[in-house]
C-alpha cells in the first residue's frame, strides 16, 4: 500500500492547543528548549498570557486572489493571477474572564480602576493604542515548537460572552492582523519553527595509558556499525556535538583501535558518524589518561 507515513512522520507533528500571548518578546530565543522555558516563566508570573482557552484555536492567512481577465483567456493561466493582499487572523476562545481579556475582546475599550472595582467603557473610535502590537500563538511540535506572531491585532467580532448553567463563561475572539506600513509588500505575520536542542545519544568513552609516551588508548560503547565511523577532537575543553551535526573541520578520523596522541588531563570527545555524510550519531567524552 502506498502511503505518506514513514518512520520520521511522528517527529513532525503539531501537538496540543498551545497558548496565546500578548507582546511576548521571543527574539532572544534560538531553540525550542529556551523558548519553552521562557514561556513557562511567563505563565508562572501571569504576564503576557491570555490564560486558559477552550477548543484550541485557528490560524488563517488567506490571500485575496484576483485573476486577470481578457478576451481569449480560458481558465486559470500561470502569471495571470494576482494577490491583492492578505487577511491574517488568529481565533480562539478565552475562558479566563478578566478585565484585560474583556478589554481585548472589546477592541476599542477603556479600562479604569478605582479601589477594587475595574470599569470598562466601549468607544466608537479605534485608537492606535487599541492595536495589540504582537499577538502570539505558540504550540508544541513533536521535536520543537511553532510560533505565529500577528502584527497590530484587533478582535473584530466584539464581545460575545457566553454563560451557561453548570458551565463556565467563554469569550471567543477573532484577532485580525494589520500592517503599519502603507507600502508593505508582506503579510502582517511572522511564522517561526523552533527545533529542540538534539543532544546526541551518549557514547561511553574510556581512556587509559597508551603504548607510547604521550599516547592514550581509547575504548567506546557502543561500537560503530558497518555504515558508521569514528571522529575525535581533543583540547583543554571540548563541547559535545548535537545529533546530526556534520563533523568535518576540526575533527580527526579514528579507526577505533589505534592509540591517539593527546595531552594528559585534557578532554577528548569521540563521536560515531555516518560514513557517507559525517553526521553525528553518538558522542561522548572522557579525561585523557596518557602515558
Protein backbone atom coordinates (compact mmCIF):
# COMPACT_ATOMS: atom_id res chain seq x y z
CA UNK A 1 0.00 0.00 0.00
CA UNK A 2 1.35 3.42 -0.96
CA UNK A 3 1.13 5.93 1.89
CA UNK A 4 2.78 9.09 3.11
CA UNK A 5 3.53 7.77 6.59
CA UNK A 6 7.13 6.89 7.38
CA UNK A 7 9.31 6.48 10.46
CA UNK A 8 10.02 10.21 10.73
CA UNK A 9 6.37 11.29 10.30
CA UNK A 10 5.71 11.26 14.03
CA UNK A 11 8.64 13.64 14.59
CA UNK A 12 6.94 16.34 12.50
CA UNK A 13 3.50 16.78 14.09
CA UNK A 14 1.94 19.83 15.73
CA UNK A 15 0.64 18.80 19.14
CA UNK A 16 -1.98 20.13 21.55
CA UNK A 17 -3.66 23.54 21.82
CA UNK A 18 -0.70 25.76 22.65
CA UNK A 19 -1.01 29.18 24.31
CA UNK A 20 -1.84 32.76 23.29
CA UNK A 21 0.38 35.61 24.49
CA UNK A 22 0.41 39.39 24.14
CA UNK A 23 3.63 41.25 23.28
CA UNK A 24 5.93 38.41 24.36
CA UNK A 25 9.48 39.13 23.15
CA UNK A 26 10.84 35.92 21.66
CA UNK A 27 13.76 37.47 19.77
CA UNK A 28 16.39 36.23 22.24
CA UNK A 29 15.47 32.53 21.88
CA UNK A 30 17.11 30.42 19.19
CA UNK A 31 15.76 26.96 20.01
CA UNK A 32 12.56 25.39 21.30
CA UNK A 33 14.01 24.48 24.72
CA UNK A 34 14.93 28.09 25.53
CA UNK A 35 11.63 29.40 24.14
CA UNK A 36 9.53 26.96 26.17
CA UNK A 37 11.46 27.75 29.36
CA UNK A 38 10.77 31.47 28.88
CA UNK A 39 7.07 30.84 28.24
CA UNK A 40 6.81 28.71 31.40
CA UNK A 41 8.30 31.62 33.32
CA UNK A 42 5.74 33.98 31.76
CA UNK A 43 2.92 31.61 32.68
CA UNK A 44 4.15 31.32 36.25
CA UNK A 45 4.35 35.12 36.65
CA UNK A 46 0.99 35.66 34.89
CA UNK A 47 2.47 38.06 32.35
CA UNK A 48 1.84 38.20 28.60
CA UNK A 49 -0.63 35.28 28.62
CA UNK A 50 -4.36 35.31 27.87
CA UNK A 51 -4.67 32.20 30.01
CA UNK A 52 -6.88 29.15 29.74
CA UNK A 53 -8.61 28.62 26.41
CA UNK A 54 -11.18 26.10 25.22
CA UNK A 55 -11.38 24.27 21.93
CA UNK A 56 -7.91 25.15 20.69
CA UNK A 57 -7.65 27.82 18.02
CA UNK A 58 -7.33 28.54 14.32
CA UNK A 59 -4.75 30.40 12.25
CA UNK A 60 -5.71 31.65 8.80
CA UNK A 61 -3.66 33.54 6.24
CA UNK A 62 -5.92 33.99 3.23
CA UNK A 63 -4.72 35.65 0.03
CA UNK A 64 -7.06 37.93 -1.91
CA UNK A 65 -6.69 36.20 -5.25
CA UNK A 66 -7.76 38.01 -8.40
CA UNK A 67 -7.44 36.51 -11.88
CA UNK A 68 -6.66 38.82 -14.77
CA UNK A 69 -9.46 38.57 -17.29
CA UNK A 70 -9.17 39.11 -21.01
CA UNK A 71 -10.63 38.02 -24.31
CA UNK A 72 -9.41 34.62 -25.31
CA UNK A 73 -8.20 33.59 -21.85
CA UNK A 74 -9.63 30.26 -20.84
CA UNK A 75 -9.39 29.07 -17.24
CA UNK A 76 -6.52 29.81 -14.89
CA UNK A 77 -3.30 30.89 -16.60
CA UNK A 78 0.13 30.96 -14.99
CA UNK A 79 1.22 34.56 -14.49
CA UNK A 80 -2.34 35.90 -14.85
CA UNK A 81 -3.20 35.67 -11.14
CA UNK A 82 -2.65 38.50 -8.67
CA UNK A 83 -2.65 38.55 -4.89
CA UNK A 84 -4.18 41.85 -3.77
CA UNK A 85 -3.18 41.29 -0.16
CA UNK A 86 -3.59 39.03 2.84
CA UNK A 87 -6.20 38.63 5.55
CA UNK A 88 -4.45 37.13 8.56
CA UNK A 89 -6.26 36.10 11.73
CA UNK A 90 -5.99 34.03 14.89
CA UNK A 91 -9.17 32.76 16.52
CA UNK A 92 -9.83 31.08 19.83
CA UNK A 93 -12.00 31.10 22.92
CA UNK A 94 -10.83 32.54 26.24
CA UNK A 95 -12.14 31.06 29.49
CA UNK A 96 -10.42 33.41 31.94
CA UNK A 97 -12.85 36.30 32.34
CA UNK A 98 -10.52 39.11 33.40
CA UNK A 99 -10.65 42.85 32.86
CA UNK A 100 -7.71 42.60 30.43
CA UNK A 101 -9.38 39.85 28.40
CA UNK A 102 -12.68 41.73 28.32
CA UNK A 103 -10.83 44.83 27.13
CA UNK A 104 -9.07 42.76 24.47
CA UNK A 105 -12.41 41.32 23.31
CA UNK A 106 -13.97 44.80 23.27
CA UNK A 107 -11.37 46.03 20.76
CA UNK A 108 -11.77 49.76 21.49
CA UNK A 109 -12.32 49.79 25.24
CA UNK A 110 -11.01 51.97 28.04
CA UNK A 111 -10.25 50.50 31.46
CA UNK A 112 -10.30 52.43 34.72
CA UNK A 113 -9.60 51.15 38.22
CA UNK A 114 -10.99 52.57 41.46
CA UNK A 115 -10.18 50.63 44.58
CA UNK A 116 -11.34 47.05 43.99
CA UNK A 117 -13.56 47.96 41.04
CA UNK A 118 -12.49 47.89 37.37
CA UNK A 119 -14.74 49.63 34.82
CA UNK A 120 -14.68 49.09 31.06
CA UNK A 121 -16.09 51.66 28.65
CA UNK A 122 -16.56 50.85 24.96
CA UNK A 123 -15.73 53.58 22.41
CA UNK A 124 -16.76 54.05 18.79
CA UNK A 125 -13.37 55.23 17.59
CA UNK A 126 -10.34 52.94 17.32
CA UNK A 127 -7.16 54.41 18.78
CA UNK A 128 -3.58 53.43 17.92
CA UNK A 129 -3.22 52.05 21.44
CA UNK A 130 -6.09 49.58 20.87
CA UNK A 131 -3.96 47.53 18.48
CA UNK A 132 -2.01 44.71 20.10
CA UNK A 133 1.49 45.12 18.62
CA UNK A 134 2.17 41.39 18.81
CA UNK A 135 -0.47 38.73 19.39
CA UNK A 136 1.36 35.42 19.52
CA UNK A 137 0.34 31.81 19.50
CA UNK A 138 2.93 29.18 20.46
CA UNK A 139 2.38 25.44 20.16
CA UNK A 140 4.37 22.25 20.55
CA UNK A 141 5.63 20.13 17.71
CA UNK A 142 7.00 16.60 18.06
CA UNK A 143 10.55 17.92 18.06
CA UNK A 144 10.22 21.61 18.87
CA UNK A 145 7.73 24.47 18.72
CA UNK A 146 5.90 26.66 16.22
CA UNK A 147 5.25 30.36 16.84
CA UNK A 148 2.83 32.64 14.96
CA UNK A 149 3.10 36.41 15.56
CA UNK A 150 0.31 38.69 14.32
CA UNK A 151 1.18 42.37 13.96
CA UNK A 152 -1.25 45.02 15.22
CA UNK A 153 -4.05 42.63 16.13
CA UNK A 154 -7.65 43.66 16.79
CA UNK A 155 -10.58 41.49 17.84
CA UNK A 156 -13.02 42.29 15.05
CA UNK A 157 -16.01 40.31 16.37
CA UNK A 158 -16.58 42.32 19.55
CA UNK A 159 -17.63 40.89 22.91
CA UNK A 160 -19.65 37.69 22.54
CA UNK A 161 -19.63 36.34 26.09
CA UNK A 162 -21.50 33.08 26.61
CA UNK A 163 -22.53 31.84 30.05
CA UNK A 164 -24.38 28.64 30.85
CA UNK A 165 -25.84 26.81 33.83
CA UNK A 166 -23.37 24.23 35.19
CA UNK A 167 -20.69 25.65 32.94
CA UNK A 168 -18.15 28.43 32.61
CA UNK A 169 -18.34 31.68 30.71
CA UNK A 170 -16.37 31.98 27.47
CA UNK A 171 -15.05 34.86 25.38
CA UNK A 172 -14.45 33.93 21.73
CA UNK A 173 -12.15 36.16 19.70
CA UNK A 174 -11.10 36.64 16.10
CA UNK A 175 -7.90 38.66 16.00
CA UNK A 176 -7.24 40.32 12.66
CA UNK A 177 -3.67 41.43 11.83
CA UNK A 178 -2.93 44.87 10.39
CA UNK A 179 0.11 46.28 8.65
CA UNK A 180 1.52 49.56 9.94
CA UNK A 181 3.24 50.32 6.62
CA UNK A 182 1.21 51.76 3.74
CA UNK A 183 3.81 50.38 1.30
CA UNK A 184 4.11 46.94 2.88
CA UNK A 185 4.64 44.08 0.42
CA UNK A 186 4.40 41.39 3.11
CA UNK A 187 1.57 39.97 5.19
CA UNK A 188 1.48 41.32 8.79
CA UNK A 189 2.51 38.00 10.32
CA UNK A 190 5.68 36.11 11.22
CA UNK A 191 5.83 32.31 11.44
CA UNK A 192 8.82 30.64 13.10
CA UNK A 193 9.54 26.96 13.66
CA UNK A 194 11.93 26.29 16.54
CA UNK A 195 13.81 22.98 16.76
CA UNK A 196 14.71 21.27 20.02
CA UNK A 197 18.30 21.01 21.11
CA UNK A 198 19.04 17.49 19.93
CA UNK A 199 21.91 16.24 22.07
CA UNK A 200 23.49 13.18 20.52
CA UNK A 201 22.85 9.90 22.36
CA UNK A 202 25.58 9.17 24.86
CA UNK A 203 28.68 7.28 23.82
CA UNK A 204 30.66 5.85 26.75
CA UNK A 205 34.32 6.76 26.28
CA UNK A 206 37.20 5.23 28.27
CA UNK A 207 40.81 6.45 28.25
CA UNK A 208 43.85 4.52 29.54
CA UNK A 209 47.57 4.93 29.00
CA UNK A 210 48.77 4.11 25.51
CA UNK A 211 51.77 2.06 24.46
CA UNK A 212 53.94 5.12 23.75
CA UNK A 213 54.65 8.20 25.82
CA UNK A 214 52.10 10.94 25.05
CA UNK A 215 49.51 8.47 23.74
CA UNK A 216 46.19 7.25 25.12
CA UNK A 217 44.24 4.14 24.30
CA UNK A 218 40.50 4.70 23.79
CA UNK A 219 37.58 2.30 24.06
CA UNK A 220 33.94 3.17 23.36
CA UNK A 221 30.49 1.65 23.87
CA UNK A 222 28.50 1.10 21.67
CA UNK A 223 30.64 0.28 18.64
CA UNK A 224 30.25 1.77 15.18
CA UNK A 225 28.32 -0.30 12.65
CA UNK A 226 29.41 -1.15 9.10
CA UNK A 227 27.99 2.13 7.75
CA UNK A 228 29.46 4.26 10.53
CA UNK A 229 32.92 5.51 11.50
CA UNK A 230 34.67 7.40 14.32
CA UNK A 231 35.81 11.00 14.74
CA UNK A 232 37.53 12.60 17.69
CA UNK A 233 38.60 16.00 18.98
CA UNK A 234 40.81 16.75 21.97
CA UNK A 235 41.66 20.00 23.78
CA UNK A 236 41.54 21.50 27.26
CA UNK A 237 37.75 21.62 26.92
CA UNK A 238 35.63 20.22 24.09
CA UNK A 239 31.89 20.69 23.61
CA UNK A 240 29.73 17.70 22.77
CA UNK A 241 28.16 17.90 19.30
CA UNK A 242 24.42 17.67 18.70
CA UNK A 243 22.82 14.80 16.83
CA UNK A 244 23.05 15.46 13.11
CA UNK A 245 25.97 17.90 13.32
CA UNK A 246 28.38 17.43 10.41
CA UNK A 247 31.77 16.68 11.95
CA UNK A 248 34.48 17.65 9.47
CA UNK A 249 36.53 20.75 10.27
CA UNK A 250 38.50 20.28 13.50
CA UNK A 251 37.64 16.59 13.80
CA UNK A 252 40.08 13.75 13.18
CA UNK A 253 39.17 10.34 11.77
CA UNK A 254 39.94 7.35 14.01
CA UNK A 255 39.87 3.66 13.13
CA UNK A 256 38.52 2.60 16.51
CA UNK A 257 41.72 0.83 17.53
CA UNK A 258 44.90 2.91 17.15
CA UNK A 259 46.32 4.86 20.10
CA UNK A 260 45.69 8.62 19.99
CA UNK A 261 48.27 11.28 20.81
CA UNK A 262 46.75 13.64 23.39
CA UNK A 263 47.70 15.79 26.40
CA UNK A 264 47.21 14.07 29.73
CA UNK A 265 44.34 15.70 31.65
CA UNK A 266 42.71 17.28 28.58
CA UNK A 267 39.26 16.30 27.37
CA UNK A 268 38.66 14.02 24.43
CA UNK A 269 35.32 13.75 22.63
CA UNK A 270 34.71 10.72 20.44
CA UNK A 271 31.78 10.58 18.04
CA UNK A 272 30.25 7.95 15.84
CA UNK A 273 29.20 9.42 12.50
CA UNK A 274 27.55 8.15 9.35
CA UNK A 275 30.41 7.42 6.98
CA UNK A 276 28.61 8.84 3.96
CA UNK A 277 27.74 12.25 5.45
CA UNK A 278 29.84 12.65 8.65
CA UNK A 279 26.60 13.35 10.56
CA UNK A 280 26.91 12.75 14.29
CA UNK A 281 25.01 9.73 15.65
CA UNK A 282 26.59 9.20 19.11
CA UNK A 283 29.03 11.31 21.12
CA UNK A 284 30.77 11.12 24.48
CA UNK A 285 33.81 12.46 26.30
CA UNK A 286 36.47 11.41 28.78
CA UNK A 287 39.51 12.91 30.51
CA UNK A 288 42.68 11.89 28.67
CA UNK A 289 44.88 9.40 30.52
CA UNK A 290 48.14 9.47 28.51
CA UNK A 291 51.41 7.74 29.22
